[in-house]
PDB file of all heavy atoms in Angstrom:
ATOM      1  N   VAL A   1    -152.746 -48.898  55.507  1.00  0.00           N
ATOM      2  CA  VAL A   1    -152.719 -47.825  56.528  1.00  0.00           C
ATOM      3  C   VAL A   1    -151.346 -47.224  56.460  1.00  0.00           C
ATOM      4  O   VAL A   1    -150.428 -47.568  57.197  1.00  0.00           O
ATOM      5  CB  VAL A   1    -153.031 -48.419  57.952  1.00  0.00           C
ATOM      6  CG1 VAL A   1    -153.109 -47.281  58.962  1.00  0.00           C
ATOM      7  CG2 VAL A   1    -154.386 -49.171  57.898  1.00  0.00           C
ATOM      8  N   TRP A   2    -151.210 -46.211  55.565  1.00  0.00           N
ATOM      9  CA  TRP A   2    -149.905 -45.574  55.342  1.00  0.00           C
ATOM     10  C   TRP A   2    -149.455 -44.826  56.580  1.00  0.00           C
ATOM     11  O   TRP A   2    -148.303 -44.890  56.994  1.00  0.00           O
ATOM     12  CB  TRP A   2    -149.973 -44.622  54.138  1.00  0.00           C
ATOM     13  CG  TRP A   2    -150.367 -45.356  52.875  1.00  0.00           C
ATOM     14  CD1 TRP A   2    -151.600 -45.398  52.312  1.00  0.00           C
ATOM     15  CD2 TRP A   2    -149.515 -46.164  52.076  1.00  0.00           C
ATOM     16  NE1 TRP A   2    -151.587 -46.193  51.214  1.00  0.00           N
ATOM     17  CE2 TRP A   2    -150.321 -46.681  51.046  1.00  0.00           C
ATOM     18  CE3 TRP A   2    -148.166 -46.517  52.150  1.00  0.00           C
ATOM     19  CZ2 TRP A   2    -149.815 -47.499  50.085  1.00  0.00           C
ATOM     20  CZ3 TRP A   2    -147.658 -47.345  51.168  1.00  0.00           C
ATOM     21  CH2 TRP A   2    -148.460 -47.826  50.178  1.00  0.00           C
ATOM     22  N   VAL A   3    -150.359 -44.082  57.205  1.00  0.00           N
ATOM     23  CA  VAL A   3    -150.193 -43.542  58.542  1.00  0.00           C
ATOM     24  C   VAL A   3    -151.464 -43.666  59.258  1.00  0.00           C
ATOM     25  O   VAL A   3    -152.560 -43.854  58.655  1.00  0.00           O
ATOM     26  CB  VAL A   3    -149.746 -42.031  58.499  1.00  0.00           C
ATOM     27  CG1 VAL A   3    -148.402 -41.828  57.884  1.00  0.00           C
ATOM     28  CG2 VAL A   3    -150.816 -41.175  57.834  1.00  0.00           C
ATOM     29  N   ILE A   4    -151.453 -43.546  60.585  1.00  0.00           N
ATOM     30  CA  ILE A   4    -152.720 -43.550  61.330  1.00  0.00           C
ATOM     31  C   ILE A   4    -153.430 -42.215  61.010  1.00  0.00           C
ATOM     32  O   ILE A   4    -152.892 -41.157  61.273  1.00  0.00           O
ATOM     33  CB  ILE A   4    -152.446 -43.680  62.854  1.00  0.00           C
ATOM     34  CG1 ILE A   4    -151.573 -44.932  63.111  1.00  0.00           C
ATOM     35  CG2 ILE A   4    -153.712 -43.739  63.616  1.00  0.00           C
ATOM     36  CD1 ILE A   4    -152.167 -46.201  62.614  1.00  0.00           C
ATOM     37  N   PRO A   5    -154.586 -42.279  60.450  1.00  0.00           N
ATOM     38  CA  PRO A   5    -155.247 -41.073  59.947  1.00  0.00           C
ATOM     39  C   PRO A   5    -155.803 -40.217  61.067  1.00  0.00           C
ATOM     40  O   PRO A   5    -156.206 -40.709  62.120  1.00  0.00           O
ATOM     41  CB  PRO A   5    -156.391 -41.593  59.080  1.00  0.00           C
ATOM     42  CG  PRO A   5    -156.684 -42.933  59.575  1.00  0.00           C
ATOM     43  CD  PRO A   5    -155.362 -43.492  60.106  1.00  0.00           C
ATOM     44  N   GLY A   6    -155.823 -38.874  60.809  1.00  0.00           N
ATOM     45  CA  GLY A   6    -156.389 -37.975  61.744  1.00  0.00           C
ATOM     46  C   GLY A   6    -155.401 -37.502  62.840  1.00  0.00           C
ATOM     47  O   GLY A   6    -154.264 -38.016  62.899  1.00  0.00           O
ATOM     48  N   ASP A   7    -155.838 -36.549  63.629  1.00  0.00           N
ATOM     49  CA  ASP A   7    -154.954 -36.057  64.710  1.00  0.00           C
ATOM     50  C   ASP A   7    -155.439 -36.482  66.085  1.00  0.00           C
ATOM     51  O   ASP A   7    -154.645 -36.514  67.040  1.00  0.00           O
ATOM     52  CB  ASP A   7    -154.827 -34.544  64.631  1.00  0.00           C
ATOM     53  CG  ASP A   7    -156.132 -33.792  64.550  1.00  0.00           C
ATOM     54  OD1 ASP A   7    -157.193 -34.438  64.786  1.00  0.00           O
ATOM     55  OD2 ASP A   7    -156.116 -32.548  64.363  1.00  0.00           O
ATOM     56  N   SER A   8    -156.722 -36.829  66.235  1.00  0.00           N
ATOM     57  CA  SER A   8    -157.225 -37.354  67.456  1.00  0.00           C
ATOM     58  C   SER A   8    -157.318 -38.876  67.372  1.00  0.00           C
ATOM     59  O   SER A   8    -158.341 -39.500  67.430  1.00  0.00           O
ATOM     60  CB  SER A   8    -158.622 -36.733  67.793  1.00  0.00           C
ATOM     61  OG  SER A   8    -159.502 -37.020  66.717  1.00  0.00           O
ATOM     62  N   SER A   9    -156.139 -39.491  67.164  1.00  0.00           N
ATOM     63  CA  SER A   9    -156.001 -40.902  66.932  1.00  0.00           C
ATOM     64  C   SER A   9    -154.631 -41.339  67.351  1.00  0.00           C
ATOM     65  O   SER A   9    -153.680 -40.560  67.420  1.00  0.00           O
ATOM     66  CB  SER A   9    -156.216 -41.245  65.439  1.00  0.00           C
ATOM     67  OG  SER A   9    -155.297 -40.457  64.661  1.00  0.00           O
ATOM     68  N   LEU A  10    -154.497 -42.622  67.702  1.00  0.00           N
ATOM     69  CA  LEU A  10    -153.236 -43.150  68.184  1.00  0.00           C
ATOM     70  C   LEU A  10    -153.153 -44.659  67.995  1.00  0.00           C
ATOM     71  O   LEU A  10    -154.205 -45.274  67.761  1.00  0.00           O
ATOM     72  CB  LEU A  10    -152.929 -42.739  69.628  1.00  0.00           C
ATOM     73  CG  LEU A  10    -153.809 -43.230  70.732  1.00  0.00           C
ATOM     74  CD1 LEU A  10    -153.062 -43.188  72.059  1.00  0.00           C
ATOM     75  CD2 LEU A  10    -155.074 -42.399  70.889  1.00  0.00           C
ATOM     76  N   SER A  11    -151.942 -45.173  68.119  1.00  0.00           N
ATOM     77  CA  SER A  11    -151.783 -46.647  68.070  1.00  0.00           C
ATOM     78  C   SER A  11    -151.352 -47.116  69.485  1.00  0.00           C
ATOM     79  O   SER A  11    -150.487 -46.478  70.108  1.00  0.00           O
ATOM     80  CB  SER A  11    -150.680 -46.988  67.083  1.00  0.00           C
ATOM     81  OG  SER A  11    -151.076 -46.728  65.797  1.00  0.00           O
ATOM     82  N   VAL A  12    -151.954 -48.213  69.892  1.00  0.00           N
ATOM     83  CA  VAL A  12    -151.532 -48.809  71.178  1.00  0.00           C
ATOM     84  C   VAL A  12    -151.385 -50.321  70.976  1.00  0.00           C
ATOM     85  O   VAL A  12    -151.905 -50.916  70.051  1.00  0.00           O
ATOM     86  CB  VAL A  12    -152.602 -48.555  72.283  1.00  0.00           C
ATOM     87  CG1 VAL A  12    -152.723 -47.069  72.533  1.00  0.00           C
ATOM     88  CG2 VAL A  12    -153.924 -49.146  71.950  1.00  0.00           C
ATOM     89  N   ASN A  13    -150.561 -50.901  71.839  1.00  0.00           N
ATOM     90  CA  ASN A  13    -150.450 -52.338  71.850  1.00  0.00           C
ATOM     91  C   ASN A  13    -151.577 -52.981  72.673  1.00  0.00           C
ATOM     92  O   ASN A  13    -152.465 -52.263  73.190  1.00  0.00           O
ATOM     93  CB  ASN A  13    -149.045 -52.801  72.318  1.00  0.00           C
ATOM     94  CG  ASN A  13    -148.742 -52.276  73.731  1.00  0.00           C
ATOM     95  OD1 ASN A  13    -149.650 -51.976  74.544  1.00  0.00           O
ATOM     96  ND2 ASN A  13    -147.458 -52.078  74.024  1.00  0.00           N
ATOM     97  N   LEU A  14    -151.575 -54.265  72.861  1.00  0.00           N
ATOM     98  CA  LEU A  14    -152.634 -54.910  73.587  1.00  0.00           C
ATOM     99  C   LEU A  14    -152.606 -54.710  75.095  1.00  0.00           C
ATOM    100  O   LEU A  14    -153.492 -55.119  75.830  1.00  0.00           O
ATOM    101  CB  LEU A  14    -152.705 -56.381  73.235  1.00  0.00           C
ATOM    102  CG  LEU A  14    -152.921 -56.692  71.735  1.00  0.00           C
ATOM    103  CD1 LEU A  14    -153.061 -58.202  71.492  1.00  0.00           C
ATOM    104  CD2 LEU A  14    -154.162 -56.004  71.181  1.00  0.00           C
ATOM    105  N   ALA A  15    -151.551 -53.995  75.555  1.00  0.00           N
ATOM    106  CA  ALA A  15    -151.515 -53.575  76.946  1.00  0.00           C
ATOM    107  C   ALA A  15    -152.075 -52.158  77.105  1.00  0.00           C
ATOM    108  O   ALA A  15    -152.155 -51.658  78.214  1.00  0.00           O
ATOM    109  CB  ALA A  15    -150.080 -53.579  77.426  1.00  0.00           C
ATOM    110  N   GLY A  16    -152.424 -51.499  75.999  1.00  0.00           N
ATOM    111  CA  GLY A  16    -152.991 -50.189  76.051  1.00  0.00           C
ATOM    112  C   GLY A  16    -151.961 -49.059  76.039  1.00  0.00           C
ATOM    113  O   GLY A  16    -152.282 -47.896  76.414  1.00  0.00           O
ATOM    114  N   GLU A  17    -150.722 -49.390  75.611  1.00  0.00           N
ATOM    115  CA  GLU A  17    -149.642 -48.394  75.640  1.00  0.00           C
ATOM    116  C   GLU A  17    -149.285 -48.040  74.205  1.00  0.00           C
ATOM    117  O   GLU A  17    -149.211 -48.883  73.306  1.00  0.00           O
ATOM    118  CB  GLU A  17    -148.422 -48.965  76.325  1.00  0.00           C
ATOM    119  CG  GLU A  17    -148.707 -49.413  77.778  1.00  0.00           C
ATOM    120  CD  GLU A  17    -147.604 -50.253  78.331  1.00  0.00           C
ATOM    121  OE1 GLU A  17    -146.875 -50.923  77.528  1.00  0.00           O
ATOM    122  OE2 GLU A  17    -147.464 -50.319  79.572  1.00  0.00           O
ATOM    123  N   ARG A  18    -148.945 -46.761  73.972  1.00  0.00           N
ATOM    124  CA  ARG A  18    -148.421 -46.339  72.709  1.00  0.00           C
ATOM    125  C   ARG A  18    -147.048 -47.023  72.491  1.00  0.00           C
ATOM    126  O   ARG A  18    -146.313 -47.218  73.468  1.00  0.00           O
ATOM    127  CB  ARG A  18    -148.226 -44.844  72.621  1.00  0.00           C
ATOM    128  CG  ARG A  18    -149.527 -44.056  72.473  1.00  0.00           C
ATOM    129  CD  ARG A  18    -149.213 -42.537  72.434  1.00  0.00           C
ATOM    130  NE  ARG A  18    -148.613 -42.163  71.134  1.00  0.00           N
ATOM    131  CZ  ARG A  18    -147.761 -41.141  71.021  1.00  0.00           C
ATOM    132  NH1 ARG A  18    -147.416 -40.386  72.076  1.00  0.00           N
ATOM    133  NH2 ARG A  18    -147.313 -40.789  69.833  1.00  0.00           N
ATOM    134  N   TYR A  19    -146.714 -47.362  71.289  1.00  0.00           N
ATOM    135  CA  TYR A  19    -145.479 -48.043  71.006  1.00  0.00           C
ATOM    136  C   TYR A  19    -144.701 -47.506  69.811  1.00  0.00           C
ATOM    137  O   TYR A  19    -143.611 -47.922  69.461  1.00  0.00           O
ATOM    138  CB  TYR A  19    -145.752 -49.537  70.728  1.00  0.00           C
ATOM    139  CG  TYR A  19    -146.619 -49.767  69.485  1.00  0.00           C
ATOM    140  CD1 TYR A  19    -146.021 -50.074  68.268  1.00  0.00           C
ATOM    141  CD2 TYR A  19    -147.999 -49.717  69.618  1.00  0.00           C
ATOM    142  CE1 TYR A  19    -146.816 -50.258  67.163  1.00  0.00           C
ATOM    143  CE2 TYR A  19    -148.810 -49.892  68.490  1.00  0.00           C
ATOM    144  CZ  TYR A  19    -148.192 -50.214  67.259  1.00  0.00           C
ATOM    145  OH  TYR A  19    -148.966 -50.376  66.154  1.00  0.00           O
ATOM    146  N   VAL A  20    -145.248 -46.413  69.180  1.00  0.00           N
ATOM    147  CA  VAL A  20    -144.621 -45.930  67.941  1.00  0.00           C
ATOM    148  C   VAL A  20    -145.129 -44.514  67.671  1.00  0.00           C
ATOM    149  O   VAL A  20    -146.176 -44.090  68.166  1.00  0.00           O
ATOM    150  CB  VAL A  20    -145.038 -46.872  66.785  1.00  0.00           C
ATOM    151  CG1 VAL A  20    -146.456 -46.716  66.340  1.00  0.00           C
ATOM    152  CG2 VAL A  20    -144.113 -46.692  65.581  1.00  0.00           C
ATOM    153  N   ASN A  21    -144.350 -43.782  66.834  1.00  0.00           N
ATOM    154  CA  ASN A  21    -144.830 -42.522  66.265  1.00  0.00           C
ATOM    155  C   ASN A  21    -145.851 -42.857  65.152  1.00  0.00           C
ATOM    156  O   ASN A  21    -145.484 -43.357  64.095  1.00  0.00           O
ATOM    157  CB  ASN A  21    -143.664 -41.732  65.724  1.00  0.00           C
ATOM    158  CG  ASN A  21    -144.057 -40.513  64.886  1.00  0.00           C
ATOM    159  OD1 ASN A  21    -145.194 -40.207  64.746  1.00  0.00           O
ATOM    160  ND2 ASN A  21    -143.071 -39.836  64.373  1.00  0.00           N
ATOM    161  N   GLU A  22    -147.093 -42.532  65.406  1.00  0.00           N
ATOM    162  CA  GLU A  22    -148.153 -42.900  64.472  1.00  0.00           C
ATOM    163  C   GLU A  22    -148.046 -42.256  63.114  1.00  0.00           C
ATOM    164  O   GLU A  22    -148.684 -42.712  62.143  1.00  0.00           O
ATOM    165  CB  GLU A  22    -149.530 -42.575  65.113  1.00  0.00           C
ATOM    166  CG  GLU A  22    -149.862 -43.338  66.343  1.00  0.00           C
ATOM    167  CD  GLU A  22    -149.399 -42.672  67.618  1.00  0.00           C
ATOM    168  OE1 GLU A  22    -148.595 -41.733  67.549  1.00  0.00           O
ATOM    169  OE2 GLU A  22    -149.780 -43.145  68.710  1.00  0.00           O
ATOM    170  N   LYS A  23    -147.325 -41.177  62.989  1.00  0.00           N
ATOM    171  CA  LYS A  23    -147.157 -40.491  61.739  1.00  0.00           C
ATOM    172  C   LYS A  23    -145.812 -40.777  61.048  1.00  0.00           C
ATOM    173  O   LYS A  23    -145.498 -40.267  60.021  1.00  0.00           O
ATOM    174  CB  LYS A  23    -147.296 -38.976  61.893  1.00  0.00           C
ATOM    175  CG  LYS A  23    -148.647 -38.546  62.528  1.00  0.00           C
ATOM    176  CD  LYS A  23    -149.810 -38.931  61.685  1.00  0.00           C
ATOM    177  CE  LYS A  23    -151.122 -38.486  62.289  1.00  0.00           C
ATOM    178  NZ  LYS A  23    -152.294 -38.824  61.499  1.00  0.00           N
ATOM    179  N   ASN A  24    -145.028 -41.662  61.669  1.00  0.00           N
ATOM    180  CA  ASN A  24    -143.799 -42.063  61.001  1.00  0.00           C
ATOM    181  C   ASN A  24    -144.131 -42.698  59.660  1.00  0.00           C
ATOM    182  O   ASN A  24    -145.107 -43.386  59.525  1.00  0.00           O
ATOM    183  CB  ASN A  24    -143.035 -43.005  61.923  1.00  0.00           C
ATOM    184  CG  ASN A  24    -141.665 -43.455  61.370  1.00  0.00           C
ATOM    185  OD1 ASN A  24    -141.453 -44.565  61.083  1.00  0.00           O
ATOM    186  ND2 ASN A  24    -140.819 -42.458  61.229  1.00  0.00           N
ATOM    187  N   HIS A  25    -143.208 -42.561  58.743  1.00  0.00           N
ATOM    188  CA  HIS A  25    -143.512 -42.955  57.340  1.00  0.00           C
ATOM    189  C   HIS A  25    -143.709 -44.463  57.275  1.00  0.00           C
ATOM    190  O   HIS A  25    -143.248 -45.289  58.067  1.00  0.00           O
ATOM    191  CB  HIS A  25    -142.367 -42.557  56.435  1.00  0.00           C
ATOM    192  CG  HIS A  25    -141.061 -43.154  56.722  1.00  0.00           C
ATOM    193  ND1 HIS A  25    -140.666 -44.388  56.257  1.00  0.00           N
ATOM    194  CD2 HIS A  25    -140.003 -42.681  57.453  1.00  0.00           C
ATOM    195  CE1 HIS A  25    -139.467 -44.684  56.663  1.00  0.00           C
ATOM    196  NE2 HIS A  25    -139.020 -43.678  57.393  1.00  0.00           N
ATOM    197  N   PRO A  26    -144.474 -44.911  56.259  1.00  0.00           N
ATOM    198  CA  PRO A  26    -144.875 -46.327  56.136  1.00  0.00           C
ATOM    199  C   PRO A  26    -143.750 -47.301  55.969  1.00  0.00           C
ATOM    200  O   PRO A  26    -143.863 -48.437  56.287  1.00  0.00           O
ATOM    201  CB  PRO A  26    -145.828 -46.337  54.962  1.00  0.00           C
ATOM    202  CG  PRO A  26    -145.535 -45.081  54.216  1.00  0.00           C
ATOM    203  CD  PRO A  26    -145.104 -44.101  55.200  1.00  0.00           C
ATOM    204  N   GLY A  27    -142.601 -46.792  55.463  1.00  0.00           N
ATOM    205  CA  GLY A  27    -141.487 -47.726  55.302  1.00  0.00           C
ATOM    206  C   GLY A  27    -140.798 -48.143  56.583  1.00  0.00           C
ATOM    207  O   GLY A  27    -140.070 -49.169  56.632  1.00  0.00           O
TER     208      GLY A  27
END
């Protein structure tokens, strides 16, 4: 998963909160 694919998508932790820029580079 190099980046989270798509634009209507996001990453959340197990509390349901975003924790990162989903398009930040894989490194």
